[in-house]
């Protein structure tokens, strides 16, 4: 018996729906990794400079908190293991783990952590910071410095204030998730330590907007 037009229409509609349902979903957008450190960035004086607040003062806080110091001989292996662990834990999430002398620098693009002009950590980035906090918390024989940076747009005063607040926000997050306060210090560098100067593209501006967590060995 020939099918009625209405039945044919229904069957055709079902066939289209089934084909549409079988189509694979579009692949997720790739994670945009930040640009690699330029030689200027790796050699920036603040990265290899003294601890925020000075080593003597920071060591006194660690001692008061009964932190056990590493021996000079044990420090390199301790930091090398931490470097490996951080690279595994943060692989593919859009940040960089870098070796700078005896320090490890975790560089986080500000776009991942903060909305424009804001110093409140984005809820969607909470899991990433939590991974960092867990790893840093377990490595108690390190100092933790948090640096905040902006791009070169806006006024120097506004950029300085924003970078201070962003560095403090990340430091507070680490402290609230188990990293001992005696280990942590934060500082905003505003627009004074750009990776790119001048900025000739949005890509370079985005690279300049960043937060960095620097880990250094606590040695006796």
C-alpha atoms as a PDB file:
ATOM      1  CA  UNK A   1       0.000   0.000   0.000  1.00  0.00           C
ATOM      2  CA  UNK A   2       1.509   3.375  -0.958  1.00  0.00           C
ATOM      3  CA  UNK A   3       2.390   5.626   1.933  1.00  0.00           C
ATOM      4  CA  UNK A   4       0.362   8.772   2.449  1.00  0.00           C
ATOM      5  CA  UNK A   5       2.026  12.112   1.928  1.00  0.00           C
ATOM      6  CA  UNK A   6       1.752  12.950   5.638  1.00  0.00           C
ATOM      7  CA  UNK A   7       3.385   9.675   6.666  1.00  0.00           C
ATOM      8  CA  UNK A   8       6.154  10.181   4.134  1.00  0.00           C
ATOM      9  CA  UNK A   9       6.768  13.657   5.572  1.00  0.00           C
ATOM     10  CA  UNK A  10       6.974  12.265   9.103  1.00  0.00           C
ATOM     11  CA  UNK A  11       9.429   9.550   8.085  1.00  0.00           C
ATOM     12  CA  UNK A  12      11.570  12.044   6.195  1.00  0.00           C
ATOM     13  CA  UNK A  13      11.641  14.352   9.206  1.00  0.00           C
ATOM     14  CA  UNK A  14      12.714  11.510  11.487  1.00  0.00           C
ATOM     15  CA  UNK A  15      15.475  10.526   9.065  1.00  0.00           C
ATOM     16  CA  UNK A  16      16.823  14.086   9.030  1.00  0.00           C
ATOM     17  CA  UNK A  17      16.739  14.228  12.823  1.00  0.00           C
ATOM     18  CA  UNK A  18      18.607  10.934  13.104  1.00  0.00           C
ATOM     19  CA  UNK A  19      21.306  12.099  10.695  1.00  0.00           C
ATOM     20  CA  UNK A  20      21.666  15.369  12.563  1.00  0.00           C
ATOM     21  CA  UNK A  21      21.924  13.501  15.861  1.00  0.00           C
ATOM     22  CA  UNK A  22      24.681  11.284  14.500  1.00  0.00           C
ATOM     23  CA  UNK A  23      26.858  14.175  13.432  1.00  0.00           C
ATOM     24  CA  UNK A  24      29.797  14.667  15.772  1.00  0.00           C
ATOM     25  CA  UNK A  25      29.836  17.786  17.904  1.00  0.00           C
ATOM     26  CA  UNK A  26      32.368  20.423  16.896  1.00  0.00           C
ATOM     27  CA  UNK A  27      35.707  19.954  18.640  1.00  0.00           C
ATOM     28  CA  UNK A  28      36.314  22.150  21.695  1.00  0.00           C
ATOM     29  CA  UNK A  29      38.271  25.332  21.167  1.00  0.00           C
ATOM     30  CA  UNK A  30      41.994  24.714  21.665  1.00  0.00           C
ATOM     31  CA  UNK A  31      43.661  26.080  24.778  1.00  0.00           C
ATOM     32  CA  UNK A  32      45.550  29.177  23.753  1.00  0.00           C
ATOM     33  CA  UNK A  33      48.901  28.935  25.394  1.00  0.00           C
ATOM     34  CA  UNK A  34      50.619  32.177  26.349  1.00  0.00           C
ATOM     35  CA  UNK A  35      53.565  33.228  24.284  1.00  0.00           C
ATOM     36  CA  UNK A  36      56.877  31.865  25.482  1.00  0.00           C
ATOM     37  CA  UNK A  37      59.092  34.009  27.652  1.00  0.00           C
ATOM     38  CA  UNK A  38      61.348  36.251  25.636  1.00  0.00           C
ATOM     39  CA  UNK A  39      65.018  36.535  26.683  1.00  0.00           C
ATOM     40  CA  UNK A  40      64.106  39.913  28.193  1.00  0.00           C
ATOM     41  CA  UNK A  41      61.485  38.211  30.354  1.00  0.00           C
ATOM     42  CA  UNK A  42      63.781  35.431  31.528  1.00  0.00           C
ATOM     43  CA  UNK A  43      66.542  37.879  32.368  1.00  0.00           C
ATOM     44  CA  UNK A  44      64.312  40.465  34.026  1.00  0.00           C
ATOM     45  CA  UNK A  45      66.067  41.593  37.233  1.00  0.00           C
ATOM     46  CA  UNK A  46      63.019  41.093  39.472  1.00  0.00           C
ATOM     47  CA  UNK A  47      62.931  37.357  38.672  1.00  0.00           C
ATOM     48  CA  UNK A  48      66.465  36.760  39.890  1.00  0.00           C
ATOM     49  CA  UNK A  49      66.391  39.470  42.554  1.00  0.00           C
ATOM     50  CA  UNK A  50      65.894  39.218  46.290  1.00  0.00           C
ATOM     51  CA  UNK A  51      62.773  37.835  47.898  1.00  0.00           C
ATOM     52  CA  UNK A  52      59.871  40.240  48.285  1.00  0.00           C
ATOM     53  CA  UNK A  53      60.456  41.916  51.638  1.00  0.00           C
ATOM     54  CA  UNK A  54      64.052  40.726  51.860  1.00  0.00           C
ATOM     55  CA  UNK A  55      65.525  37.307  52.600  1.00  0.00           C
ATOM     56  CA  UNK A  56      66.454  38.096  56.221  1.00  0.00           C
ATOM     57  CA  UNK A  57      62.909  39.129  57.120  1.00  0.00           C
ATOM     58  CA  UNK A  58      61.333  36.230  55.275  1.00  0.00           C
ATOM     59  CA  UNK A  59      63.699  33.688  56.834  1.00  0.00           C
ATOM     60  CA  UNK A  60      62.788  35.008  60.286  1.00  0.00           C
ATOM     61  CA  UNK A  61      59.094  34.401  59.540  1.00  0.00           C
ATOM     62  CA  UNK A  62      59.812  30.883  58.350  1.00  0.00           C
ATOM     63  CA  UNK A  63      61.863  30.145  61.459  1.00  0.00           C
ATOM     64  CA  UNK A  64      59.120  31.510  63.694  1.00  0.00           C
ATOM     65  CA  UNK A  65      56.643  29.216  61.936  1.00  0.00           C
ATOM     66  CA  UNK A  66      58.953  26.249  62.698  1.00  0.00           C
ATOM     67  CA  UNK A  67      59.614  25.599  59.012  1.00  0.00           C
ATOM     68  CA  UNK A  68      62.476  23.188  58.434  1.00  0.00           C
ATOM     69  CA  UNK A  69      65.189  24.596  56.187  1.00  0.00           C
ATOM     70  CA  UNK A  70      66.766  22.660  53.342  1.00  0.00           C
ATOM     71  CA  UNK A  71      70.488  22.111  53.278  1.00  0.00           C
ATOM     72  CA  UNK A  72      72.306  23.757  50.399  1.00  0.00           C
ATOM     73  CA  UNK A  73      73.186  20.307  49.055  1.00  0.00           C
ATOM     74  CA  UNK A  74      69.579  19.083  49.099  1.00  0.00           C
ATOM     75  CA  UNK A  75      67.987  22.178  47.547  1.00  0.00           C
ATOM     76  CA  UNK A  76      68.695  21.497  43.818  1.00  0.00           C
ATOM     77  CA  UNK A  77      67.147  18.017  43.833  1.00  0.00           C
ATOM     78  CA  UNK A  78      64.194  19.241  45.907  1.00  0.00           C
ATOM     79  CA  UNK A  79      63.453  22.031  43.422  1.00  0.00           C
ATOM     80  CA  UNK A  80      63.982  19.779  40.392  1.00  0.00           C
ATOM     81  CA  UNK A  81      61.360  17.358  41.706  1.00  0.00           C
ATOM     82  CA  UNK A  82      58.954  20.217  42.389  1.00  0.00           C
ATOM     83  CA  UNK A  83      59.515  21.492  38.854  1.00  0.00           C
ATOM     84  CA  UNK A  84      58.628  18.100  37.376  1.00  0.00           C
ATOM     85  CA  UNK A  85      55.525  17.750  39.529  1.00  0.00           C
ATOM     86  CA  UNK A  86      54.251  21.223  38.639  1.00  0.00           C
ATOM     87  CA  UNK A  87      54.718  20.594  34.917  1.00  0.00           C
ATOM     88  CA  UNK A  88      52.668  17.393  35.149  1.00  0.00           C
ATOM     89  CA  UNK A  89      49.903  18.949  37.258  1.00  0.00           C
ATOM     90  CA  UNK A  90      49.502  22.052  35.068  1.00  0.00           C
ATOM     91  CA  UNK A  91      50.048  20.533  31.600  1.00  0.00           C
ATOM     92  CA  UNK A  92      47.666  21.840  28.933  1.00  0.00           C
ATOM     93  CA  UNK A  93      45.855  24.472  30.985  1.00  0.00           C
ATOM     94  CA  UNK A  94      47.439  27.543  29.441  1.00  0.00           C
ATOM     95  CA  UNK A  95      50.185  28.583  31.821  1.00  0.00           C
ATOM     96  CA  UNK A  96      53.954  28.202  31.881  1.00  0.00           C
ATOM     97  CA  UNK A  97      56.307  26.635  34.426  1.00  0.00           C
ATOM     98  CA  UNK A  98      59.799  28.046  33.989  1.00  0.00           C
ATOM     99  CA  UNK A  99      63.183  27.473  35.579  1.00  0.00           C
ATOM    100  CA  UNK A 100      64.901  30.770  36.369  1.00  0.00           C
ATOM    101  CA  UNK A 101      68.173  30.104  38.185  1.00  0.00           C
ATOM    102  CA  UNK A 102      67.352  28.348  41.443  1.00  0.00           C
ATOM    103  CA  UNK A 103      63.734  29.544  41.272  1.00  0.00           C
ATOM    104  CA  UNK A 104      60.634  28.096  39.632  1.00  0.00           C
ATOM    105  CA  UNK A 105      58.266  30.635  38.081  1.00  0.00           C
ATOM    106  CA  UNK A 106      54.637  29.768  37.345  1.00  0.00           C
ATOM    107  CA  UNK A 107      53.369  32.340  34.858  1.00  0.00           C
ATOM    108  CA  UNK A 108      49.585  32.744  34.641  1.00  0.00           C
ATOM    109  CA  UNK A 109      47.999  34.965  31.971  1.00  0.00           C
ATOM    110  CA  UNK A 110      45.761  37.480  33.740  1.00  0.00           C
ATOM    111  CA  UNK A 111      42.998  36.803  31.192  1.00  0.00           C
ATOM    112  CA  UNK A 112      42.609  33.332  32.717  1.00  0.00           C
ATOM    113  CA  UNK A 113      42.333  34.610  36.258  1.00  0.00           C
ATOM    114  CA  UNK A 114      40.690  38.049  36.171  1.00  0.00           C
ATOM    115  CA  UNK A 115      38.135  39.999  34.176  1.00  0.00           C
ATOM    116  CA  UNK A 116      39.338  43.259  32.664  1.00  0.00           C
ATOM    117  CA  UNK A 117      39.963  45.834  35.380  1.00  0.00           C
ATOM    118  CA  UNK A 118      39.054  43.353  38.139  1.00  0.00           C
ATOM    119  CA  UNK A 119      41.105  41.830  40.952  1.00  0.00           C
ATOM    120  CA  UNK A 120      38.603  39.078  41.787  1.00  0.00           C
ATOM    121  CA  UNK A 121      39.740  35.572  40.820  1.00  0.00           C
ATOM    122  CA  UNK A 122      37.389  34.083  38.210  1.00  0.00           C
ATOM    123  CA  UNK A 123      35.374  31.122  39.548  1.00  0.00           C
ATOM    124  CA  UNK A 124      36.140  29.107  36.403  1.00  0.00           C
ATOM    125  CA  UNK A 125      39.870  29.360  37.124  1.00  0.00           C
ATOM    126  CA  UNK A 126      39.462  28.140  40.698  1.00  0.00           C
ATOM    127  CA  UNK A 127      40.351  24.548  39.810  1.00  0.00           C
ATOM    128  CA  UNK A 128      43.656  25.563  38.236  1.00  0.00           C
ATOM    129  CA  UNK A 129      44.729  27.695  41.178  1.00  0.00           C
ATOM    130  CA  UNK A 130      43.628  24.894  43.480  1.00  0.00           C
ATOM    131  CA  UNK A 131      45.997  22.477  41.709  1.00  0.00           C
ATOM    132  CA  UNK A 132      48.842  24.968  42.158  1.00  0.00           C
ATOM    133  CA  UNK A 133      47.915  25.507  45.814  1.00  0.00           C
ATOM    134  CA  UNK A 134      47.889  21.769  46.516  1.00  0.00           C
ATOM    135  CA  UNK A 135      51.326  21.293  45.014  1.00  0.00           C
ATOM    136  CA  UNK A 136      52.842  24.375  46.659  1.00  0.00           C
ATOM    137  CA  UNK A 137      51.253  23.503  50.021  1.00  0.00           C
ATOM    138  CA  UNK A 138      52.972  20.146  50.092  1.00  0.00           C
ATOM    139  CA  UNK A 139      56.382  21.682  49.370  1.00  0.00           C
ATOM    140  CA  UNK A 140      56.811  23.497  52.665  1.00  0.00           C
ATOM    141  CA  UNK A 141      60.511  24.233  52.233  1.00  0.00           C
ATOM    142  CA  UNK A 142      59.980  26.966  49.666  1.00  0.00           C
ATOM    143  CA  UNK A 143      59.317  30.672  49.746  1.00  0.00           C
ATOM    144  CA  UNK A 144      56.354  31.844  47.666  1.00  0.00           C
ATOM    145  CA  UNK A 145      56.505  35.228  45.905  1.00  0.00           C
ATOM    146  CA  UNK A 146      53.505  36.466  43.900  1.00  0.00           C
ATOM    147  CA  UNK A 147      54.053  39.200  41.293  1.00  0.00           C
ATOM    148  CA  UNK A 148      51.285  41.059  39.474  1.00  0.00           C
ATOM    149  CA  UNK A 149      51.756  42.792  36.100  1.00  0.00           C
ATOM    150  CA  UNK A 150      49.683  44.881  33.689  1.00  0.00           C
ATOM    151  CA  UNK A 151      50.044  45.887  30.064  1.00  0.00           C
ATOM    152  CA  UNK A 152      51.203  49.376  29.068  1.00  0.00           C
ATOM    153  CA  UNK A 153      47.762  50.876  28.500  1.00  0.00           C
ATOM    154  CA  UNK A 154      46.150  53.110  31.101  1.00  0.00           C
ATOM    155  CA  UNK A 155      47.919  55.271  33.650  1.00  0.00           C
ATOM    156  CA  UNK A 156      50.894  54.102  35.670  1.00  0.00           C
ATOM    157  CA  UNK A 157      49.057  54.782  38.940  1.00  0.00           C
ATOM    158  CA  UNK A 158      45.984  52.740  37.975  1.00  0.00           C
ATOM    159  CA  UNK A 159      48.135  49.900  36.664  1.00  0.00           C
ATOM    160  CA  UNK A 160      50.191  49.827  39.841  1.00  0.00           C
ATOM    161  CA  UNK A 161      47.106  49.618  42.040  1.00  0.00           C
ATOM    162  CA  UNK A 162      45.531  46.909  39.888  1.00  0.00           C
ATOM    163  CA  UNK A 163      48.688  44.787  39.884  1.00  0.00           C
ATOM    164  CA  UNK A 164      48.995  45.117  43.680  1.00  0.00           C
ATOM    165  CA  UNK A 165      45.420  43.910  44.145  1.00  0.00           C
ATOM    166  CA  UNK A 166      45.773  41.012  41.711  1.00  0.00           C
ATOM    167  CA  UNK A 167      48.996  39.782  43.291  1.00  0.00           C
ATOM    168  CA  UNK A 168      47.407  40.052  46.749  1.00  0.00           C
ATOM    169  CA  UNK A 169      44.289  38.180  45.540  1.00  0.00           C
ATOM    170  CA  UNK A 170      46.342  35.214  44.311  1.00  0.00           C
ATOM    171  CA  UNK A 171      48.442  35.254  47.504  1.00  0.00           C
ATOM    172  CA  UNK A 172      45.251  35.243  49.597  1.00  0.00           C
ATOM    173  CA  UNK A 173      43.875  32.357  47.550  1.00  0.00           C
ATOM    174  CA  UNK A 174      46.989  30.277  48.188  1.00  0.00           C
ATOM    175  CA  UNK A 175      46.867  31.086  51.906  1.00  0.00           C
ATOM    176  CA  UNK A 176      43.168  30.186  52.134  1.00  0.00           C
ATOM    177  CA  UNK A 177      43.924  26.800  50.557  1.00  0.00           C
ATOM    178  CA  UNK A 178      46.579  25.651  52.956  1.00  0.00           C
ATOM    179  CA  UNK A 179      49.819  27.420  51.967  1.00  0.00           C
ATOM    180  CA  UNK A 180      51.324  28.813  55.179  1.00  0.00           C
ATOM    181  CA  UNK A 181      51.147  32.616  55.319  1.00  0.00           C
ATOM    182  CA  UNK A 182      54.709  32.726  56.662  1.00  0.00           C
ATOM    183  CA  UNK A 183      55.881  31.499  53.257  1.00  0.00           C
ATOM    184  CA  UNK A 184      54.000  34.031  51.109  1.00  0.00           C
ATOM    185  CA  UNK A 185      54.589  37.630  50.013  1.00  0.00           C
ATOM    186  CA  UNK A 186      53.069  39.581  47.122  1.00  0.00           C
ATOM    187  CA  UNK A 187      53.969  42.631  45.077  1.00  0.00           C
ATOM    188  CA  UNK A 188      52.515  44.483  42.113  1.00  0.00           C
ATOM    189  CA  UNK A 189      54.951  45.673  39.467  1.00  0.00           C
ATOM    190  CA  UNK A 190      52.346  47.514  37.424  1.00  0.00           C
ATOM    191  CA  UNK A 191      53.634  48.233  33.934  1.00  0.00           C
ATOM    192  CA  UNK A 192      57.308  48.383  34.927  1.00  0.00           C
ATOM    193  CA  UNK A 193      58.327  44.857  33.859  1.00  0.00           C
ATOM    194  CA  UNK A 194      56.689  44.110  30.490  1.00  0.00           C
ATOM    195  CA  UNK A 195      57.734  41.153  28.388  1.00  0.00           C
ATOM    196  CA  UNK A 196      57.123  43.333  25.326  1.00  0.00           C
ATOM    197  CA  UNK A 197      57.876  47.028  25.065  1.00  0.00           C
ATOM    198  CA  UNK A 198      56.562  48.513  22.875  1.00  0.00           C
ATOM    199  CA  UNK A 199      53.398  46.435  22.526  1.00  0.00           C
ATOM    200  CA  UNK A 200      52.654  46.051  18.824  1.00  0.00           C
ATOM    201  CA  UNK A 201      49.720  43.622  18.999  1.00  0.00           C
ATOM    202  CA  UNK A 202      46.945  42.425  21.301  1.00  0.00           C
ATOM    203  CA  UNK A 203      48.909  39.191  21.668  1.00  0.00           C
ATOM    204  CA  UNK A 204      51.825  41.080  23.184  1.00  0.00           C
ATOM    205  CA  UNK A 205      49.531  43.134  25.429  1.00  0.00           C
ATOM    206  CA  UNK A 206      47.920  39.926  26.677  1.00  0.00           C
ATOM    207  CA  UNK A 207      51.356  38.446  27.407  1.00  0.00           C
ATOM    208  CA  UNK A 208      52.243  41.482  29.503  1.00  0.00           C
ATOM    209  CA  UNK A 209      49.094  41.060  31.611  1.00  0.00           C
ATOM    210  CA  UNK A 210      50.090  38.238  33.914  1.00  0.00           C
ATOM    211  CA  UNK A 211      50.521  36.953  37.452  1.00  0.00           C
ATOM    212  CA  UNK A 212      53.663  35.045  38.394  1.00  0.00           C
ATOM    213  CA  UNK A 213      54.246  32.756  41.355  1.00  0.00           C
ATOM    214  CA  UNK A 214      57.939  32.398  42.128  1.00  0.00           C
ATOM    215  CA  UNK A 215      59.110  29.518  44.326  1.00  0.00           C
ATOM    216  CA  UNK A 216      62.556  29.630  45.905  1.00  0.00           C
ATOM    217  CA  UNK A 217      64.198  27.105  48.234  1.00  0.00           C
ATOM    218  CA  UNK A 218      64.217  27.881  51.962  1.00  0.00           C
ATOM    219  CA  UNK A 219      67.778  27.042  52.956  1.00  0.00           C
ATOM    220  CA  UNK A 220      69.466  27.373  56.310  1.00  0.00           C
END
